[in-house]
N, C-alpha and C. Protein backbone atom coordinates (compact mmCIF):
# COMPACT_ATOMS: atom_id res chain seq x y z
N UNK A 1 9.44 -58.17 -42.61
CA UNK A 1 8.06 -58.32 -42.73
C UNK A 1 7.28 -58.03 -41.50
N UNK A 2 8.08 -57.83 -40.24
CA UNK A 2 7.30 -57.72 -39.16
C UNK A 2 6.21 -56.62 -39.02
N UNK A 3 6.38 -55.60 -40.05
CA UNK A 3 5.63 -54.26 -40.00
C UNK A 3 4.48 -54.62 -40.63
N UNK A 4 4.38 -55.30 -41.84
CA UNK A 4 3.37 -55.42 -42.70
C UNK A 4 2.58 -56.62 -42.82
N UNK A 5 3.16 -57.83 -42.68
CA UNK A 5 2.65 -59.24 -43.03
C UNK A 5 1.74 -59.51 -41.80
N UNK A 6 0.50 -60.08 -41.95
CA UNK A 6 -0.20 -60.53 -40.95
C UNK A 6 0.32 -62.04 -40.44
N UNK A 7 0.38 -62.02 -39.14
CA UNK A 7 0.85 -63.41 -38.65
C UNK A 7 -0.19 -64.48 -38.30
N UNK A 8 -1.36 -64.03 -37.98
CA UNK A 8 -2.28 -64.93 -37.58
C UNK A 8 -3.51 -64.92 -38.28
N UNK A 9 -3.87 -66.12 -38.96
CA UNK A 9 -4.69 -66.45 -39.85
C UNK A 9 -5.77 -67.50 -39.18
N UNK A 10 -6.83 -67.13 -38.66
CA UNK A 10 -7.76 -67.89 -37.82
C UNK A 10 -8.78 -68.41 -38.78
N UNK A 11 -8.94 -69.84 -39.01
CA UNK A 11 -9.92 -70.52 -39.87
C UNK A 11 -9.88 -71.74 -40.12
N UNK A 12 -10.29 -72.49 -41.20
CA UNK A 12 -10.19 -73.76 -41.42
C UNK A 12 -9.25 -74.04 -42.36
N UNK A 13 -8.46 -74.93 -42.27
CA UNK A 13 -7.50 -75.43 -43.50
C UNK A 13 -7.36 -76.71 -43.75
N UNK A 14 -6.97 -76.97 -45.22
CA UNK A 14 -6.67 -78.46 -45.35
C UNK A 14 -5.25 -78.55 -46.04
N UNK A 15 -4.71 -79.90 -45.81
CA UNK A 15 -3.65 -80.11 -46.34
C UNK A 15 -3.39 -81.30 -46.75
N UNK A 16 -2.80 -81.44 -48.14
CA UNK A 16 -2.79 -83.08 -48.71
C UNK A 16 -1.35 -82.89 -49.49
N UNK A 17 -0.77 -84.06 -49.29
CA UNK A 17 0.43 -84.20 -50.16
C UNK A 17 0.09 -85.02 -51.51
N UNK A 18 0.36 -84.63 -52.60
CA UNK A 18 -0.07 -85.11 -53.84
C UNK A 18 0.93 -86.28 -54.25
N UNK A 19 2.30 -85.97 -54.06
CA UNK A 19 3.27 -86.98 -54.12
C UNK A 19 4.43 -86.48 -53.41
N UNK A 20 5.68 -87.19 -53.57
CA UNK A 20 6.85 -86.76 -52.80
C UNK A 20 7.26 -85.39 -53.02
N UNK A 21 6.94 -84.81 -54.33
CA UNK A 21 7.30 -83.46 -54.51
C UNK A 21 6.35 -82.41 -54.22
N UNK A 22 5.15 -82.58 -54.16
CA UNK A 22 4.06 -81.69 -54.35
C UNK A 22 3.12 -81.73 -53.03
N UNK A 23 2.77 -80.55 -52.61
CA UNK A 23 2.03 -80.40 -51.39
C UNK A 23 0.96 -79.32 -51.60
N UNK A 24 -0.37 -79.49 -51.22
CA UNK A 24 -1.19 -78.22 -51.39
C UNK A 24 -1.73 -78.12 -50.00
N UNK A 25 -1.95 -76.76 -49.76
CA UNK A 25 -2.69 -75.95 -48.61
C UNK A 25 -3.59 -75.29 -49.09
N UNK A 26 -4.91 -75.26 -48.47
CA UNK A 26 -6.00 -74.41 -48.80
C UNK A 26 -6.84 -74.09 -47.65
N UNK A 27 -7.65 -73.18 -47.60
CA UNK A 27 -8.54 -72.83 -46.48
C UNK A 27 -9.33 -71.69 -46.73
N UNK A 28 -9.94 -71.28 -45.62
CA UNK A 28 -10.96 -70.09 -45.49
C UNK A 28 -10.48 -69.50 -43.97
N UNK A 29 -10.24 -68.22 -43.95
CA UNK A 29 -9.96 -67.41 -42.80
C UNK A 29 -10.73 -66.34 -42.63
N UNK A 30 -10.58 -65.64 -41.55
CA UNK A 30 -11.37 -64.27 -41.23
C UNK A 30 -10.57 -63.08 -41.33
N UNK A 31 -9.50 -63.15 -42.22
CA UNK A 31 -8.49 -62.19 -42.46
C UNK A 31 -7.25 -62.03 -41.61
N UNK A 32 -6.34 -61.22 -41.90
CA UNK A 32 -5.09 -61.26 -41.18
C UNK A 32 -5.30 -60.62 -39.70
N UNK A 33 -4.76 -61.47 -38.77
CA UNK A 33 -4.69 -61.05 -37.51
C UNK A 33 -6.11 -60.57 -37.13
N UNK A 34 -7.05 -61.39 -37.32
CA UNK A 34 -8.52 -61.16 -37.04
C UNK A 34 -9.18 -62.56 -36.72
N UNK A 35 -9.89 -62.48 -35.34
CA UNK A 35 -10.68 -63.60 -34.97
C UNK A 35 -12.08 -63.73 -35.84
N UNK A 36 -12.53 -64.68 -36.11
CA UNK A 36 -13.66 -64.86 -36.93
C UNK A 36 -14.88 -64.15 -36.18
N UNK A 37 -15.05 -64.08 -34.87
CA UNK A 37 -16.12 -63.65 -34.19
C UNK A 37 -16.30 -62.09 -33.93
N UNK A 38 -15.16 -61.30 -34.40
CA UNK A 38 -15.36 -59.80 -34.30
C UNK A 38 -16.05 -59.35 -35.54
N UNK A 39 -16.58 -58.10 -35.48
CA UNK A 39 -17.32 -57.42 -36.44
C UNK A 39 -16.40 -56.85 -37.58
N UNK A 40 -14.98 -56.94 -37.26
CA UNK A 40 -14.09 -56.51 -38.46
C UNK A 40 -13.80 -57.86 -39.29
N UNK A 41 -14.02 -58.98 -38.91
CA UNK A 41 -13.84 -60.03 -39.73
C UNK A 41 -14.45 -60.15 -41.07
N UNK A 42 -13.56 -60.62 -42.10
CA UNK A 42 -14.14 -60.66 -43.38
C UNK A 42 -13.59 -62.15 -44.00
N UNK A 43 -14.29 -62.92 -44.66
CA UNK A 43 -14.05 -64.00 -45.26
C UNK A 43 -12.81 -63.90 -46.31
N UNK A 44 -11.88 -64.78 -46.21
CA UNK A 44 -10.61 -64.72 -47.20
C UNK A 44 -10.31 -66.13 -47.43
N UNK A 45 -9.78 -66.58 -48.77
CA UNK A 45 -9.46 -67.65 -48.88
C UNK A 45 -7.92 -67.63 -49.21
N UNK A 46 -7.30 -69.01 -49.20
CA UNK A 46 -5.90 -69.27 -49.42
C UNK A 46 -5.76 -70.42 -50.09
N UNK A 47 -4.80 -70.44 -50.81
CA UNK A 47 -4.27 -71.60 -51.83
C UNK A 47 -2.72 -71.42 -51.87
N UNK A 48 -2.05 -72.59 -51.42
CA UNK A 48 -0.50 -72.45 -51.42
C UNK A 48 -0.17 -73.88 -51.82
N UNK A 49 1.04 -73.74 -52.73
CA UNK A 49 1.56 -75.07 -53.20
C UNK A 49 3.08 -75.01 -52.67
N UNK A 50 3.59 -76.26 -52.52
CA UNK A 50 4.85 -76.22 -52.04
C UNK A 50 5.49 -77.51 -53.05
N UNK A 51 6.68 -77.22 -53.79
CA UNK A 51 7.48 -78.09 -54.26
C UNK A 51 8.69 -78.37 -53.67
N UNK A 52 9.30 -79.44 -53.67
CA UNK A 52 10.44 -79.98 -53.07
C UNK A 52 11.39 -80.82 -54.23
N UNK A 53 12.51 -80.31 -54.43
CA UNK A 53 13.33 -81.31 -55.28
C UNK A 53 13.56 -82.37 -54.71
N UNK A 54 13.77 -83.54 -55.69
CA UNK A 54 14.10 -85.05 -55.30
C UNK A 54 15.08 -85.07 -54.32
N UNK A 55 16.19 -84.30 -54.43
CA UNK A 55 17.21 -84.51 -53.55
C UNK A 55 17.01 -83.68 -52.15
N UNK A 56 15.86 -82.74 -52.08
CA UNK A 56 15.60 -82.21 -50.98
C UNK A 56 16.44 -80.73 -50.69
N UNK A 57 17.22 -80.55 -51.55
CA UNK A 57 17.98 -79.16 -51.29
C UNK A 57 17.35 -77.85 -51.81
N UNK A 58 16.36 -78.11 -52.59
CA UNK A 58 15.56 -76.81 -52.96
C UNK A 58 14.15 -77.17 -52.76
N UNK A 59 13.53 -75.95 -52.36
CA UNK A 59 12.01 -75.93 -52.36
C UNK A 59 11.51 -74.66 -52.77
N UNK A 60 10.32 -74.72 -53.08
CA UNK A 60 9.54 -73.41 -53.47
C UNK A 60 8.06 -73.62 -52.67
N UNK A 61 7.73 -72.57 -51.99
CA UNK A 61 6.35 -72.75 -51.23
C UNK A 61 5.84 -71.29 -51.33
N UNK A 62 4.63 -71.23 -51.92
CA UNK A 62 4.08 -69.96 -52.21
C UNK A 62 2.42 -70.08 -52.80
N UNK A 63 2.04 -68.93 -53.04
CA UNK A 63 0.64 -68.79 -53.66
C UNK A 63 -0.08 -67.67 -52.80
N UNK A 64 -1.40 -67.71 -52.86
CA UNK A 64 -2.31 -66.83 -52.38
C UNK A 64 -2.24 -67.21 -50.83
N UNK A 65 -2.06 -66.19 -49.87
CA UNK A 65 -2.17 -66.42 -48.39
C UNK A 65 -3.38 -65.86 -48.07
N UNK A 66 -3.93 -64.79 -48.75
CA UNK A 66 -5.00 -64.17 -48.17
C UNK A 66 -5.58 -63.33 -49.43
N UNK A 67 -6.90 -63.72 -49.92
CA UNK A 67 -7.59 -63.01 -50.88
C UNK A 67 -9.13 -62.91 -50.51
N UNK A 68 -9.70 -61.81 -50.46
CA UNK A 68 -11.00 -61.57 -50.06
C UNK A 68 -11.40 -60.08 -50.87
N UNK A 69 -12.28 -59.47 -50.18
CA UNK A 69 -12.81 -58.06 -50.62
C UNK A 69 -11.75 -57.03 -50.43
N UNK A 70 -10.77 -57.11 -49.47
CA UNK A 70 -9.88 -56.14 -49.30
C UNK A 70 -10.24 -54.68 -48.80
N UNK A 71 -11.39 -54.62 -48.10
CA UNK A 71 -12.05 -53.49 -47.55
C UNK A 71 -11.54 -53.29 -46.13
N UNK A 72 -11.69 -51.97 -45.98
CA UNK A 72 -11.31 -51.49 -44.40
C UNK A 72 -12.64 -51.69 -43.86
N UNK A 73 -12.74 -52.27 -42.73
CA UNK A 73 -13.86 -52.58 -41.93
C UNK A 73 -13.77 -52.61 -40.50
N UNK A 74 -14.67 -51.47 -39.76
CA UNK A 74 -14.62 -51.55 -38.25
C UNK A 74 -13.25 -51.21 -37.90
N UNK A 75 -12.54 -50.59 -38.23
CA UNK A 75 -11.02 -50.14 -37.84
C UNK A 75 -9.98 -51.12 -38.07
N UNK A 76 -10.25 -52.07 -39.10
CA UNK A 76 -9.40 -53.00 -39.54
C UNK A 76 -9.20 -53.29 -40.98
N UNK A 77 -7.91 -53.32 -41.42
CA UNK A 77 -7.68 -53.47 -42.70
C UNK A 77 -7.90 -55.06 -43.01
N UNK A 78 -8.01 -55.36 -44.45
CA UNK A 78 -8.01 -56.82 -44.80
C UNK A 78 -6.98 -56.78 -45.90
N UNK A 79 -5.87 -57.16 -45.46
CA UNK A 79 -4.60 -57.38 -46.63
C UNK A 79 -4.90 -58.43 -47.27
N UNK A 80 -4.40 -58.05 -48.62
CA UNK A 80 -4.60 -59.18 -49.74
C UNK A 80 -2.97 -59.68 -49.74
N UNK A 81 -2.78 -60.91 -49.48
CA UNK A 81 -1.25 -61.30 -49.54
C UNK A 81 -0.93 -62.36 -50.70
N UNK A 82 0.08 -62.29 -51.44
CA UNK A 82 0.50 -63.32 -52.26
C UNK A 82 2.16 -63.34 -51.93
N UNK A 83 2.60 -64.31 -51.66
CA UNK A 83 3.89 -64.63 -51.31
C UNK A 83 4.57 -65.86 -51.82
N UNK A 84 5.97 -65.84 -51.83
CA UNK A 84 6.78 -67.04 -52.41
C UNK A 84 7.99 -67.13 -51.56
N UNK A 85 8.40 -68.19 -50.99
CA UNK A 85 9.63 -68.61 -50.37
C UNK A 85 10.34 -69.58 -51.08
N UNK A 86 11.75 -69.40 -51.31
CA UNK A 86 12.52 -70.46 -51.90
C UNK A 86 13.83 -70.53 -50.88
N UNK A 87 13.83 -71.95 -50.59
CA UNK A 87 14.84 -72.46 -49.82
C UNK A 87 16.03 -73.24 -50.34
N UNK A 88 17.07 -73.10 -50.03
CA UNK A 88 18.24 -73.83 -50.83
C UNK A 88 19.04 -74.31 -49.46
N UNK A 89 19.51 -75.69 -49.57
CA UNK A 89 20.42 -76.27 -48.59
C UNK A 89 21.64 -76.46 -49.24
N UNK A 90 22.80 -75.71 -48.67
CA UNK A 90 24.05 -75.83 -49.20
C UNK A 90 24.72 -77.05 -48.56
N UNK A 91 24.61 -77.22 -47.20
CA UNK A 91 25.15 -78.13 -46.69
C UNK A 91 24.19 -78.66 -45.51
N UNK A 92 24.57 -79.77 -44.68
CA UNK A 92 23.71 -79.99 -43.60
C UNK A 92 23.58 -78.70 -42.47
N UNK A 93 24.56 -78.07 -42.58
CA UNK A 93 24.70 -76.75 -41.56
C UNK A 93 24.48 -75.54 -42.10
N UNK A 94 24.15 -75.35 -43.36
CA UNK A 94 24.16 -74.10 -43.95
C UNK A 94 22.99 -74.12 -45.04
N UNK A 95 22.06 -73.28 -44.88
CA UNK A 95 20.90 -73.03 -45.94
C UNK A 95 20.44 -71.65 -45.88
N UNK A 96 19.95 -71.25 -46.92
CA UNK A 96 19.14 -69.94 -47.06
C UNK A 96 17.47 -70.33 -47.30
N UNK A 97 16.92 -68.87 -47.06
CA UNK A 97 15.37 -68.96 -47.29
C UNK A 97 15.36 -67.32 -47.81
N UNK A 98 14.77 -67.29 -49.07
CA UNK A 98 14.42 -66.09 -49.64
C UNK A 98 13.18 -65.81 -49.85
N UNK A 99 12.37 -64.75 -49.26
CA UNK A 99 10.92 -64.72 -49.49
C UNK A 99 10.62 -63.32 -50.19
N UNK A 100 9.57 -63.24 -50.98
CA UNK A 100 9.04 -62.14 -51.46
C UNK A 100 7.47 -62.16 -51.24
N UNK A 101 7.07 -60.97 -51.30
CA UNK A 101 5.61 -60.71 -50.88
C UNK A 101 5.14 -59.60 -51.85
N UNK A 102 3.68 -59.85 -52.07
CA UNK A 102 2.84 -58.51 -52.83
C UNK A 102 1.88 -58.38 -51.87
N UNK A 103 1.64 -57.33 -51.35
CA UNK A 103 0.69 -57.12 -50.13
C UNK A 103 -0.24 -55.77 -50.70
């Protein structure tokens, strides 16, 4: 994902834990790898959910990382990103993370 996925989202974010298994993350940002004060910035929203199994061995984290107009503006793209990560802990020393993205 180092070639396609934006790494920096600058904006305002909120996070709340609904209960021991569910967590919500939402916010507004200026677009992927874009500072809000530049002429290329475009408002984008995000809404992510995290679920964790009661035993803590599995979790799903995903949703809309970036959604906006998606226009190319002043030399910068505005990627629209939907992603999901599944994690599984086999032992205390061995675990996996599997990610998928639609950009």
